[in-house]
Amino acid sequence: MNMTEQAKQYILNAMKESNVDTIRFYGIAGCCGMNLAVGIVPAEEGDKVEIVNDVKVAIMPEMVQELQGVTIGVEEQNGEFGLTLEGYTPNSSC
């Protein structure tokens, strides 16, 4: 996993506002399998925790394979900023 400098600053600002030091990628069960979710929340027991571009990233074990080789970026749409995951392909059967 990689992270752009712009994404790093965006995430660090969100962490400061939330008073949390981790961005966590996790799965939510859906009709077609696990759907990827992300939040500025503490790591949970069993998560793979790593430092990516000086940012603490936690990944739910079931999502580690899907996020290999992904680059976290940020983009603006209609004046709002949000994260992007370049190279992410969902493992969904729908």
N, C-alpha and C. Protein backbone atom coordinates (compact mmCIF):
# COMPACT_ATOMS: atom_id res chain seq x y z
N MET A 1 0.85 -1.17 0.00
CA MET A 1 0.00 0.00 0.00
C MET A 1 0.90 1.24 0.00
N ASN A 2 0.46 2.22 -0.78
CA ASN A 2 1.16 3.50 -0.87
C ASN A 2 0.18 4.62 -0.59
N MET A 3 0.70 5.83 -0.41
CA MET A 3 -0.15 6.98 -0.13
C MET A 3 0.50 8.23 -0.70
N THR A 4 -0.29 9.04 -1.39
CA THR A 4 0.23 10.29 -1.92
C THR A 4 0.41 11.29 -0.79
N GLU A 5 1.23 12.30 -1.02
CA GLU A 5 1.44 13.35 -0.02
C GLU A 5 0.15 14.10 0.27
N GLN A 6 -0.64 14.37 -0.77
CA GLN A 6 -1.90 15.08 -0.59
C GLN A 6 -2.86 14.26 0.28
N ALA A 7 -2.91 12.94 0.05
CA ALA A 7 -3.75 12.08 0.88
C ALA A 7 -3.25 12.05 2.31
N LYS A 8 -1.93 12.01 2.47
CA LYS A 8 -1.35 12.02 3.82
C LYS A 8 -1.82 13.23 4.59
N GLN A 9 -1.74 14.42 4.01
CA GLN A 9 -2.14 15.65 4.69
C GLN A 9 -3.64 15.64 4.99
N TYR A 10 -4.45 15.17 4.04
CA TYR A 10 -5.90 15.08 4.22
C TYR A 10 -6.23 14.17 5.40
N ILE A 11 -5.60 13.00 5.45
CA ILE A 11 -5.85 12.02 6.51
C ILE A 11 -5.35 12.54 7.86
N LEU A 12 -4.15 13.12 7.89
CA LEU A 12 -3.62 13.64 9.16
C LEU A 12 -4.51 14.74 9.72
N ASN A 13 -5.07 15.59 8.86
CA ASN A 13 -6.00 16.63 9.32
C ASN A 13 -7.26 16.01 9.90
N ALA A 14 -7.78 14.97 9.24
CA ALA A 14 -8.99 14.29 9.73
C ALA A 14 -8.71 13.61 11.06
N MET A 15 -7.52 13.02 11.19
CA MET A 15 -7.14 12.37 12.44
C MET A 15 -7.06 13.39 13.58
N LYS A 16 -6.49 14.54 13.29
CA LYS A 16 -6.36 15.59 14.31
C LYS A 16 -7.74 16.05 14.77
N GLU A 17 -8.65 16.26 13.82
CA GLU A 17 -10.01 16.68 14.15
C GLU A 17 -10.75 15.63 14.97
N SER A 18 -10.48 14.35 14.68
CA SER A 18 -11.17 13.24 15.36
C SER A 18 -10.46 12.77 16.61
N ASN A 19 -9.23 13.26 16.81
CA ASN A 19 -8.42 12.83 17.94
C ASN A 19 -8.18 11.31 17.93
N VAL A 20 -7.95 10.79 16.73
CA VAL A 20 -7.66 9.36 16.53
C VAL A 20 -6.40 9.29 15.68
N ASP A 21 -5.54 8.30 15.95
CA ASP A 21 -4.26 8.23 15.24
C ASP A 21 -4.19 7.14 14.17
N THR A 22 -5.34 6.63 13.75
CA THR A 22 -5.35 5.51 12.80
C THR A 22 -6.44 5.69 11.75
N ILE A 23 -6.11 5.33 10.51
CA ILE A 23 -7.13 5.17 9.49
C ILE A 23 -7.31 3.66 9.33
N ARG A 24 -8.55 3.20 9.33
CA ARG A 24 -8.81 1.76 9.30
C ARG A 24 -9.63 1.39 8.08
N PHE A 25 -9.17 0.35 7.37
CA PHE A 25 -9.90 -0.24 6.25
C PHE A 25 -10.50 -1.55 6.75
N TYR A 26 -11.79 -1.72 6.53
CA TYR A 26 -12.47 -2.91 7.03
C TYR A 26 -13.59 -3.31 6.09
N GLY A 27 -14.13 -4.49 6.29
CA GLY A 27 -15.20 -4.98 5.44
C GLY A 27 -16.52 -4.97 6.16
N ILE A 28 -17.57 -4.72 5.39
CA ILE A 28 -18.93 -4.79 5.88
C ILE A 28 -19.64 -5.84 5.02
N ALA A 29 -20.23 -6.83 5.67
CA ALA A 29 -20.91 -7.90 4.94
C ALA A 29 -22.09 -7.33 4.15
N GLY A 30 -22.15 -7.72 2.88
CA GLY A 30 -23.24 -7.33 2.00
C GLY A 30 -23.79 -8.54 1.28
N CYS A 31 -24.73 -8.33 0.40
CA CYS A 31 -25.35 -9.45 -0.32
C CYS A 31 -24.37 -10.17 -1.24
N CYS A 32 -23.31 -9.49 -1.64
CA CYS A 32 -22.35 -10.07 -2.59
C CYS A 32 -20.98 -10.30 -1.96
N GLY A 33 -20.92 -10.38 -0.66
CA GLY A 33 -19.64 -10.56 0.01
C GLY A 33 -19.29 -9.33 0.83
N MET A 34 -17.99 -9.12 1.04
CA MET A 34 -17.53 -8.00 1.86
C MET A 34 -17.40 -6.74 1.02
N ASN A 35 -17.94 -5.64 1.54
CA ASN A 35 -17.79 -4.33 0.92
C ASN A 35 -16.77 -3.54 1.73
N LEU A 36 -15.86 -2.88 1.05
CA LEU A 36 -14.81 -2.12 1.71
C LEU A 36 -15.36 -0.85 2.34
N ALA A 37 -14.94 -0.60 3.56
CA ALA A 37 -15.28 0.64 4.27
C ALA A 37 -13.99 1.21 4.85
N VAL A 38 -14.00 2.50 5.13
CA VAL A 38 -12.82 3.15 5.70
C VAL A 38 -13.29 4.16 6.73
N GLY A 39 -12.51 4.30 7.80
CA GLY A 39 -12.85 5.27 8.82
C GLY A 39 -11.63 5.71 9.61
N ILE A 40 -11.74 6.86 10.21
CA ILE A 40 -10.72 7.35 11.12
C ILE A 40 -11.14 6.83 12.49
N VAL A 41 -10.74 5.60 12.76
CA VAL A 41 -11.11 4.89 13.98
C VAL A 41 -9.92 4.06 14.46
N PRO A 42 -9.90 3.70 15.73
CA PRO A 42 -8.79 2.89 16.23
C PRO A 42 -8.73 1.51 15.57
N ALA A 43 -7.55 0.95 15.54
CA ALA A 43 -7.37 -0.42 15.06
C ALA A 43 -8.09 -1.38 15.99
N GLU A 44 -8.50 -2.50 15.44
CA GLU A 44 -9.13 -3.54 16.25
C GLU A 44 -8.18 -4.72 16.37
N GLU A 45 -8.42 -5.55 17.37
CA GLU A 45 -7.58 -6.72 17.59
C GLU A 45 -7.58 -7.58 16.33
N GLY A 46 -6.41 -8.00 15.92
CA GLY A 46 -6.25 -8.84 14.74
C GLY A 46 -5.96 -8.07 13.47
N ASP A 47 -6.16 -6.75 13.46
CA ASP A 47 -5.88 -5.94 12.28
C ASP A 47 -4.39 -5.98 11.95
N LYS A 48 -4.08 -5.89 10.67
CA LYS A 48 -2.71 -5.69 10.23
C LYS A 48 -2.46 -4.19 10.33
N VAL A 49 -1.48 -3.80 11.12
CA VAL A 49 -1.19 -2.37 11.31
C VAL A 49 0.18 -2.08 10.72
N GLU A 50 0.24 -1.05 9.89
CA GLU A 50 1.51 -0.64 9.29
C GLU A 50 1.54 0.87 9.17
N ILE A 51 2.73 1.39 8.97
CA ILE A 51 2.92 2.82 8.76
C ILE A 51 3.13 3.03 7.26
N VAL A 52 2.25 3.84 6.66
CA VAL A 52 2.33 4.15 5.24
C VAL A 52 2.50 5.66 5.11
N ASN A 53 3.64 6.10 4.62
CA ASN A 53 3.94 7.53 4.46
C ASN A 53 3.70 8.28 5.77
N ASP A 54 4.18 7.72 6.86
CA ASP A 54 4.08 8.30 8.20
C ASP A 54 2.67 8.31 8.78
N VAL A 55 1.75 7.53 8.21
CA VAL A 55 0.38 7.44 8.70
C VAL A 55 0.13 6.01 9.17
N LYS A 56 -0.46 5.87 10.36
CA LYS A 56 -0.79 4.55 10.90
C LYS A 56 -2.05 4.04 10.21
N VAL A 57 -1.90 2.89 9.53
CA VAL A 57 -3.00 2.29 8.77
C VAL A 57 -3.30 0.91 9.35
N ALA A 58 -4.57 0.66 9.65
CA ALA A 58 -5.01 -0.65 10.13
C ALA A 58 -5.90 -1.27 9.06
N ILE A 59 -5.70 -2.56 8.81
CA ILE A 59 -6.50 -3.25 7.80
C ILE A 59 -7.05 -4.53 8.41
N MET A 60 -8.35 -4.69 8.31
CA MET A 60 -9.01 -5.91 8.74
C MET A 60 -8.41 -7.08 7.97
N PRO A 61 -8.07 -8.18 8.64
CA PRO A 61 -7.38 -9.29 7.97
C PRO A 61 -8.06 -9.76 6.67
N GLU A 62 -9.38 -9.77 6.64
CA GLU A 62 -10.09 -10.22 5.44
C GLU A 62 -9.94 -9.28 4.25
N MET A 63 -9.45 -8.07 4.48
CA MET A 63 -9.33 -7.08 3.40
C MET A 63 -7.88 -6.88 2.95
N VAL A 64 -6.92 -7.50 3.62
CA VAL A 64 -5.50 -7.28 3.31
C VAL A 64 -5.19 -7.61 1.86
N GLN A 65 -5.65 -8.76 1.39
CA GLN A 65 -5.34 -9.19 0.01
C GLN A 65 -5.88 -8.19 -1.01
N GLU A 66 -7.10 -7.69 -0.80
CA GLU A 66 -7.71 -6.77 -1.75
C GLU A 66 -6.97 -5.43 -1.84
N LEU A 67 -6.27 -5.06 -0.77
CA LEU A 67 -5.62 -3.75 -0.73
C LEU A 67 -4.14 -3.78 -1.08
N GLN A 68 -3.61 -4.94 -1.43
CA GLN A 68 -2.20 -5.00 -1.83
C GLN A 68 -1.99 -4.21 -3.12
N GLY A 69 -0.96 -3.39 -3.13
CA GLY A 69 -0.62 -2.62 -4.31
C GLY A 69 -1.49 -1.39 -4.55
N VAL A 70 -2.38 -1.07 -3.63
CA VAL A 70 -3.28 0.08 -3.77
C VAL A 70 -2.56 1.35 -3.34
N THR A 71 -2.85 2.45 -4.03
CA THR A 71 -2.34 3.77 -3.64
C THR A 71 -3.50 4.62 -3.18
N ILE A 72 -3.40 5.12 -1.95
CA ILE A 72 -4.42 6.01 -1.39
C ILE A 72 -4.14 7.41 -1.91
N GLY A 73 -5.14 8.01 -2.52
CA GLY A 73 -5.04 9.37 -3.02
C GLY A 73 -6.21 10.19 -2.52
N VAL A 74 -6.30 11.40 -2.99
CA VAL A 74 -7.42 12.28 -2.63
C VAL A 74 -7.80 13.06 -3.87
N GLU A 75 -9.11 13.31 -4.02
CA GLU A 75 -9.58 14.11 -5.15
C GLU A 75 -10.70 15.03 -4.69
N GLU A 76 -10.93 16.05 -5.48
CA GLU A 76 -11.99 17.01 -5.19
C GLU A 76 -13.10 16.88 -6.21
N GLN A 77 -14.33 16.83 -5.73
CA GLN A 77 -15.50 16.85 -6.60
C GLN A 77 -16.52 17.80 -5.99
N ASN A 78 -16.93 18.77 -6.77
CA ASN A 78 -17.92 19.75 -6.33
C ASN A 78 -17.55 20.42 -5.01
N GLY A 79 -16.26 20.72 -4.84
CA GLY A 79 -15.79 21.41 -3.65
C GLY A 79 -15.59 20.51 -2.44
N GLU A 80 -15.84 19.23 -2.57
CA GLU A 80 -15.66 18.28 -1.47
C GLU A 80 -14.48 17.37 -1.79
N PHE A 81 -13.67 17.06 -0.77
CA PHE A 81 -12.54 16.17 -0.94
C PHE A 81 -12.89 14.78 -0.43
N GLY A 82 -12.32 13.78 -1.06
CA GLY A 82 -12.53 12.41 -0.64
C GLY A 82 -11.35 11.54 -1.05
N LEU A 83 -11.24 10.40 -0.41
CA LEU A 83 -10.14 9.48 -0.71
C LEU A 83 -10.43 8.68 -1.97
N THR A 84 -9.36 8.33 -2.67
CA THR A 84 -9.43 7.43 -3.81
C THR A 84 -8.50 6.25 -3.53
N LEU A 85 -8.79 5.13 -4.14
CA LEU A 85 -7.95 3.94 -3.99
C LEU A 85 -7.56 3.46 -5.39
N GLU A 86 -6.45 3.99 -5.88
CA GLU A 86 -5.97 3.62 -7.20
C GLU A 86 -5.45 2.19 -7.16
N GLY A 87 -5.96 1.37 -8.08
CA GLY A 87 -5.54 -0.02 -8.14
C GLY A 87 -6.44 -0.96 -7.36
N TYR A 88 -7.49 -0.43 -6.74
CA TYR A 88 -8.41 -1.26 -5.96
C TYR A 88 -9.47 -1.87 -6.87
N THR A 89 -9.60 -3.19 -6.80
CA THR A 89 -10.64 -3.91 -7.53
C THR A 89 -11.44 -4.72 -6.52
N PRO A 90 -12.69 -4.38 -6.31
CA PRO A 90 -13.49 -5.12 -5.33
C PRO A 90 -13.58 -6.60 -5.68
N ASN A 91 -13.62 -7.41 -4.66
CA ASN A 91 -13.75 -8.86 -4.81
C ASN A 91 -15.22 -9.24 -4.65
N SER A 92 -16.07 -8.65 -5.44
CA SER A 92 -17.51 -8.88 -5.32
C SER A 92 -18.00 -9.72 -6.47
N SER A 93 -19.00 -10.55 -6.23
CA SER A 93 -19.52 -11.41 -7.29
C SER A 93 -20.79 -10.84 -7.90
N CYS A 94 -21.19 -9.63 -7.54
CA CYS A 94 -22.41 -9.00 -8.10
C CYS A 94 -22.08 -8.22 -9.35
